[in-house]
């Protein structure tokens, strides 16, 4: 008997183009499998680009361990920071690429 007292899931496609199938999804559940067990936190993040999924586990067997919980939150915070840094570097790289290509076009016209 599975006893779930909380569950939340989300899924978002990364683009609305028909030929791209990237997605990001997560689920968070609090459950136990018997009345004799304590509840545990089960959580997974899935990143998918075309047919290559990556699963990152954030589950906790011992929800009463504050260090384990802080570690899980740190994992999420590091993912957010890394994605934000990547976004900033993509913007910078895009600007550098545009500028470099303008200079190449100008050189070709001379």
N, C-alpha and C. Protein backbone atom coordinates (compact mmCIF):
# COMPACT_ATOMS: atom_id res chain seq x y z
N UNK A 1 0.84 -1.18 0.00
CA UNK A 1 0.00 0.00 0.00
C UNK A 1 0.89 1.25 0.00
N UNK A 2 0.73 2.05 -0.98
CA UNK A 2 1.47 3.30 -1.09
C UNK A 2 0.62 4.42 -0.50
N UNK A 3 1.19 5.17 0.41
CA UNK A 3 0.49 6.25 1.09
C UNK A 3 1.18 7.57 0.74
N UNK A 4 0.58 8.33 -0.17
CA UNK A 4 1.16 9.60 -0.61
C UNK A 4 0.36 10.73 0.01
N UNK A 5 1.06 11.66 0.70
CA UNK A 5 0.38 12.79 1.34
C UNK A 5 0.65 14.12 0.64
N UNK A 6 1.56 14.11 -0.34
CA UNK A 6 1.82 15.32 -1.13
C UNK A 6 2.38 14.91 -2.48
N UNK A 7 1.96 15.60 -3.51
CA UNK A 7 2.51 15.36 -4.84
C UNK A 7 2.33 16.58 -5.72
N UNK A 8 3.37 16.94 -6.41
CA UNK A 8 3.32 18.09 -7.34
C UNK A 8 4.23 17.78 -8.51
N UNK A 9 3.76 18.05 -9.72
CA UNK A 9 4.55 17.82 -10.93
C UNK A 9 4.34 18.96 -11.90
N UNK A 10 5.36 19.23 -12.70
CA UNK A 10 5.26 20.20 -13.79
C UNK A 10 6.09 19.70 -14.96
N UNK A 11 5.63 20.06 -16.17
CA UNK A 11 6.40 19.77 -17.37
C UNK A 11 6.23 20.94 -18.32
N UNK A 12 7.36 21.37 -18.89
CA UNK A 12 7.34 22.46 -19.86
C UNK A 12 8.18 22.06 -21.06
N UNK A 13 7.64 22.28 -22.25
CA UNK A 13 8.42 22.08 -23.46
C UNK A 13 9.32 23.29 -23.66
N UNK A 14 10.52 23.08 -24.12
CA UNK A 14 11.50 24.15 -24.26
C UNK A 14 11.24 25.04 -25.47
N UNK A 15 10.44 24.56 -26.39
CA UNK A 15 10.10 25.34 -27.58
C UNK A 15 8.74 24.85 -28.10
N UNK A 16 8.10 25.68 -28.90
CA UNK A 16 6.83 25.27 -29.49
C UNK A 16 6.98 24.80 -30.94
N UNK A 17 8.23 24.63 -31.38
CA UNK A 17 8.48 24.14 -32.73
C UNK A 17 8.13 22.65 -32.80
N UNK A 18 7.49 22.25 -33.88
CA UNK A 18 7.06 20.86 -34.03
C UNK A 18 8.21 19.88 -34.19
N UNK A 19 9.36 20.33 -34.67
CA UNK A 19 10.47 19.41 -34.92
C UNK A 19 11.47 19.36 -33.76
N UNK A 20 11.18 20.03 -32.65
CA UNK A 20 12.05 19.98 -31.48
C UNK A 20 11.25 19.41 -30.31
N UNK A 21 11.89 18.58 -29.50
CA UNK A 21 11.17 17.87 -28.46
C UNK A 21 11.79 18.03 -27.08
N UNK A 22 12.52 19.10 -26.85
CA UNK A 22 13.13 19.33 -25.56
C UNK A 22 12.09 19.66 -24.51
N UNK A 23 12.36 19.24 -23.27
CA UNK A 23 11.43 19.50 -22.18
C UNK A 23 12.18 19.52 -20.85
N UNK A 24 11.56 20.15 -19.90
CA UNK A 24 12.04 20.11 -18.52
C UNK A 24 10.82 19.75 -17.66
N UNK A 25 11.03 18.86 -16.72
CA UNK A 25 9.94 18.41 -15.87
C UNK A 25 10.47 18.06 -14.49
N UNK A 26 9.58 18.11 -13.51
CA UNK A 26 9.96 17.67 -12.17
C UNK A 26 8.75 17.06 -11.47
N UNK A 27 9.03 16.30 -10.45
CA UNK A 27 7.97 15.87 -9.54
C UNK A 27 8.53 15.84 -8.12
N UNK A 28 7.67 16.15 -7.19
CA UNK A 28 7.99 16.10 -5.77
C UNK A 28 6.85 15.34 -5.09
N UNK A 29 7.20 14.32 -4.33
CA UNK A 29 6.19 13.53 -3.61
C UNK A 29 6.66 13.26 -2.19
N UNK A 30 5.72 13.20 -1.29
CA UNK A 30 5.97 12.73 0.07
C UNK A 30 5.12 11.48 0.22
N UNK A 31 5.79 10.36 0.49
CA UNK A 31 5.08 9.08 0.51
C UNK A 31 5.77 8.06 1.40
N UNK A 32 5.06 6.98 1.62
CA UNK A 32 5.62 5.81 2.30
C UNK A 32 4.91 4.58 1.75
N UNK A 33 5.53 3.43 1.93
CA UNK A 33 4.97 2.20 1.38
C UNK A 33 4.26 1.33 2.41
N UNK A 34 4.42 1.61 3.69
CA UNK A 34 3.67 0.88 4.70
C UNK A 34 3.50 1.78 5.93
N UNK A 35 2.52 1.45 6.73
CA UNK A 35 2.25 2.24 7.94
C UNK A 35 3.39 2.16 8.94
N UNK A 36 4.24 1.17 8.83
CA UNK A 36 5.37 1.01 9.75
C UNK A 36 6.58 1.87 9.35
N UNK A 37 6.57 2.44 8.14
CA UNK A 37 7.68 3.25 7.66
C UNK A 37 7.42 4.73 7.91
N UNK A 38 8.53 5.49 7.98
CA UNK A 38 8.42 6.94 7.98
C UNK A 38 8.19 7.41 6.55
N UNK A 39 7.64 8.60 6.42
CA UNK A 39 7.48 9.20 5.11
C UNK A 39 8.85 9.64 4.58
N UNK A 40 9.00 9.63 3.28
CA UNK A 40 10.22 10.13 2.67
C UNK A 40 9.86 11.07 1.52
N UNK A 41 10.81 11.90 1.18
CA UNK A 41 10.63 12.88 0.11
C UNK A 41 11.28 12.34 -1.15
N UNK A 42 10.50 12.21 -2.20
CA UNK A 42 10.98 11.72 -3.49
C UNK A 42 10.86 12.87 -4.48
N UNK A 43 11.96 13.23 -5.12
CA UNK A 43 11.92 14.34 -6.06
C UNK A 43 12.95 14.12 -7.17
N UNK A 44 12.53 14.37 -8.40
CA UNK A 44 13.40 14.19 -9.55
C UNK A 44 13.18 15.33 -10.54
N UNK A 45 14.27 15.80 -11.11
CA UNK A 45 14.24 16.78 -12.20
C UNK A 45 14.65 16.05 -13.46
N UNK A 46 13.90 16.24 -14.53
CA UNK A 46 14.23 15.63 -15.82
C UNK A 46 14.45 16.72 -16.86
N UNK A 47 15.60 16.68 -17.49
CA UNK A 47 15.92 17.56 -18.61
C UNK A 47 16.00 16.68 -19.85
N UNK A 48 15.35 17.10 -20.92
CA UNK A 48 15.35 16.26 -22.12
C UNK A 48 15.53 17.12 -23.35
N UNK A 49 16.46 16.68 -24.21
CA UNK A 49 16.67 17.31 -25.50
C UNK A 49 16.54 16.21 -26.53
N UNK A 50 15.53 16.29 -27.36
CA UNK A 50 15.22 15.22 -28.32
C UNK A 50 14.99 13.92 -27.56
N UNK A 51 15.85 12.93 -27.74
CA UNK A 51 15.61 11.64 -27.08
C UNK A 51 16.57 11.36 -25.95
N UNK A 52 17.33 12.36 -25.49
CA UNK A 52 18.33 12.14 -24.45
C UNK A 52 17.88 12.74 -23.12
N UNK A 53 17.25 11.94 -22.27
CA UNK A 53 16.85 12.49 -20.97
C UNK A 53 17.98 12.40 -19.95
N UNK A 54 17.99 13.37 -19.06
CA UNK A 54 18.90 13.37 -17.91
C UNK A 54 18.02 13.51 -16.67
N UNK A 55 18.22 12.62 -15.72
CA UNK A 55 17.45 12.65 -14.48
C UNK A 55 18.39 13.05 -13.34
N UNK A 56 17.96 14.00 -12.53
CA UNK A 56 18.72 14.43 -11.36
C UNK A 56 17.83 14.20 -10.15
N UNK A 57 18.31 13.40 -9.22
CA UNK A 57 17.52 13.01 -8.05
C UNK A 57 17.77 13.97 -6.89
N UNK A 58 16.68 14.36 -6.24
CA UNK A 58 16.76 15.22 -5.07
C UNK A 58 16.07 14.57 -3.87
N UNK A 59 15.77 13.29 -3.95
CA UNK A 59 15.02 12.62 -2.91
C UNK A 59 15.76 12.57 -1.58
N UNK A 60 14.97 12.39 -0.53
CA UNK A 60 15.53 12.32 0.82
C UNK A 60 14.89 11.16 1.57
N UNK A 61 15.71 10.23 1.99
CA UNK A 61 15.19 9.14 2.81
C UNK A 61 14.98 9.57 4.25
N UNK A 62 15.74 10.57 4.68
CA UNK A 62 15.69 11.00 6.08
C UNK A 62 15.30 12.48 6.13
N UNK A 63 14.01 12.76 6.05
CA UNK A 63 13.54 14.14 6.01
C UNK A 63 13.82 14.90 7.30
N UNK A 64 14.11 14.17 8.37
CA UNK A 64 14.39 14.84 9.63
C UNK A 64 15.87 15.21 9.78
N UNK A 65 16.69 14.95 8.75
CA UNK A 65 18.10 15.31 8.77
C UNK A 65 18.27 16.69 8.11
N UNK A 66 18.48 17.75 8.91
CA UNK A 66 18.58 19.09 8.33
C UNK A 66 19.75 19.25 7.37
N UNK A 67 20.86 18.56 7.60
CA UNK A 67 22.00 18.67 6.70
C UNK A 67 21.68 18.10 5.33
N UNK A 68 20.95 17.01 5.30
CA UNK A 68 20.56 16.41 4.02
C UNK A 68 19.64 17.36 3.25
N UNK A 69 18.70 17.99 3.95
CA UNK A 69 17.79 18.93 3.29
C UNK A 69 18.53 20.14 2.76
N UNK A 70 19.43 20.70 3.55
CA UNK A 70 20.23 21.85 3.09
C UNK A 70 21.05 21.46 1.86
N UNK A 71 21.57 20.25 1.85
CA UNK A 71 22.32 19.76 0.69
C UNK A 71 21.47 19.68 -0.56
N UNK A 72 20.22 19.27 -0.41
CA UNK A 72 19.32 19.20 -1.58
C UNK A 72 19.01 20.59 -2.10
N UNK A 73 18.77 21.52 -1.20
CA UNK A 73 18.50 22.89 -1.63
C UNK A 73 19.73 23.51 -2.29
N UNK A 74 20.91 23.21 -1.78
CA UNK A 74 22.15 23.72 -2.38
C UNK A 74 22.30 23.19 -3.80
N UNK A 75 21.89 21.96 -4.03
CA UNK A 75 21.94 21.36 -5.36
C UNK A 75 21.05 22.16 -6.34
N UNK A 76 19.85 22.49 -5.90
CA UNK A 76 18.92 23.28 -6.72
C UNK A 76 19.50 24.68 -6.96
N UNK A 77 20.02 25.29 -5.90
CA UNK A 77 20.59 26.63 -6.04
C UNK A 77 21.76 26.65 -7.02
N UNK A 78 22.61 25.62 -6.99
CA UNK A 78 23.74 25.54 -7.92
C UNK A 78 23.25 25.38 -9.36
N UNK A 79 22.21 24.59 -9.58
CA UNK A 79 21.64 24.46 -10.93
C UNK A 79 21.11 25.81 -11.42
N UNK A 80 20.40 26.53 -10.56
CA UNK A 80 19.87 27.83 -10.95
C UNK A 80 21.00 28.79 -11.28
N UNK A 81 22.03 28.84 -10.44
CA UNK A 81 23.17 29.72 -10.68
C UNK A 81 23.87 29.38 -11.99
N UNK A 82 24.09 28.09 -12.23
CA UNK A 82 24.78 27.66 -13.44
C UNK A 82 23.97 28.01 -14.68
N UNK A 83 22.66 27.79 -14.64
CA UNK A 83 21.81 28.14 -15.78
C UNK A 83 21.78 29.65 -16.01
N UNK A 84 21.75 30.43 -14.94
CA UNK A 84 21.77 31.88 -15.06
C UNK A 84 23.10 32.36 -15.65
N UNK A 85 24.21 31.78 -15.17
CA UNK A 85 25.52 32.12 -15.73
C UNK A 85 25.59 31.76 -17.21
N UNK A 86 25.06 30.59 -17.55
CA UNK A 86 25.08 30.17 -18.95
C UNK A 86 24.26 31.13 -19.81
N UNK A 87 23.11 31.54 -19.31
CA UNK A 87 22.28 32.49 -20.05
C UNK A 87 23.04 33.79 -20.30
N UNK A 88 23.68 34.30 -19.24
CA UNK A 88 24.45 35.54 -19.39
C UNK A 88 25.58 35.38 -20.42
N UNK A 89 26.27 34.24 -20.39
CA UNK A 89 27.35 34.00 -21.34
C UNK A 89 26.83 33.78 -22.76
N UNK A 90 25.64 33.20 -22.91
CA UNK A 90 25.03 33.09 -24.24
C UNK A 90 24.76 34.47 -24.82
N UNK A 91 24.24 35.38 -24.01
CA UNK A 91 23.98 36.74 -24.47
C UNK A 91 25.29 37.40 -24.89
N UNK A 92 26.31 37.27 -24.04
CA UNK A 92 27.61 37.86 -24.36
C UNK A 92 28.19 37.24 -25.63
N UNK A 93 28.15 35.92 -25.74
CA UNK A 93 28.66 35.25 -26.94
C UNK A 93 27.91 35.65 -28.19
N UNK A 94 26.61 35.85 -28.08
CA UNK A 94 25.81 36.29 -29.21
C UNK A 94 26.25 37.67 -29.68
N UNK A 95 26.45 38.58 -28.74
CA UNK A 95 26.89 39.93 -29.09
C UNK A 95 28.28 39.90 -29.73
N UNK A 96 29.19 39.11 -29.18
CA UNK A 96 30.54 38.99 -29.74
C UNK A 96 30.49 38.43 -31.16
N UNK A 97 29.65 37.41 -31.36
CA UNK A 97 29.51 36.79 -32.68
C UNK A 97 28.96 37.79 -33.70
N UNK A 98 27.92 38.53 -33.31
CA UNK A 98 27.36 39.54 -34.22
C UNK A 98 28.41 40.57 -34.61
N UNK A 99 29.16 41.06 -33.64
CA UNK A 99 30.18 42.08 -33.90
C UNK A 99 31.29 41.51 -34.80
N UNK A 100 31.73 40.29 -34.51
CA UNK A 100 32.79 39.67 -35.31
C UNK A 100 32.32 39.46 -36.75
N UNK A 101 31.08 39.07 -36.94
CA UNK A 101 30.57 38.83 -38.29
C UNK A 101 30.36 40.14 -39.06
N UNK A 102 30.01 41.21 -38.37
CA UNK A 102 29.91 42.51 -39.04
C UNK A 102 31.28 42.92 -39.56
N UNK A 103 32.32 42.72 -38.76
CA UNK A 103 33.67 43.07 -39.18
C UNK A 103 34.11 42.23 -40.37
N UNK A 104 33.74 40.94 -40.40
CA UNK A 104 34.09 40.08 -41.52
C UNK A 104 33.39 40.57 -42.79
N UNK A 105 32.11 40.91 -42.69
CA UNK A 105 31.37 41.42 -43.86
C UNK A 105 31.98 42.71 -44.36
N UNK A 106 32.37 43.58 -43.43
CA UNK A 106 33.00 44.85 -43.83
C UNK A 106 34.32 44.60 -44.54
N UNK A 107 35.10 43.63 -44.06
CA UNK A 107 36.39 43.30 -44.69
C UNK A 107 36.18 42.73 -46.09
N UNK A 108 35.13 41.91 -46.28
CA UNK A 108 34.86 41.30 -47.58
C UNK A 108 34.47 42.36 -48.60
N UNK A 109 33.83 43.44 -48.16
CA UNK A 109 33.34 44.48 -49.08
C UNK A 109 34.46 45.43 -49.51
N UNK A 110 35.60 45.37 -48.90
CA UNK A 110 36.69 46.31 -49.24
C UNK A 110 37.50 45.84 -50.41
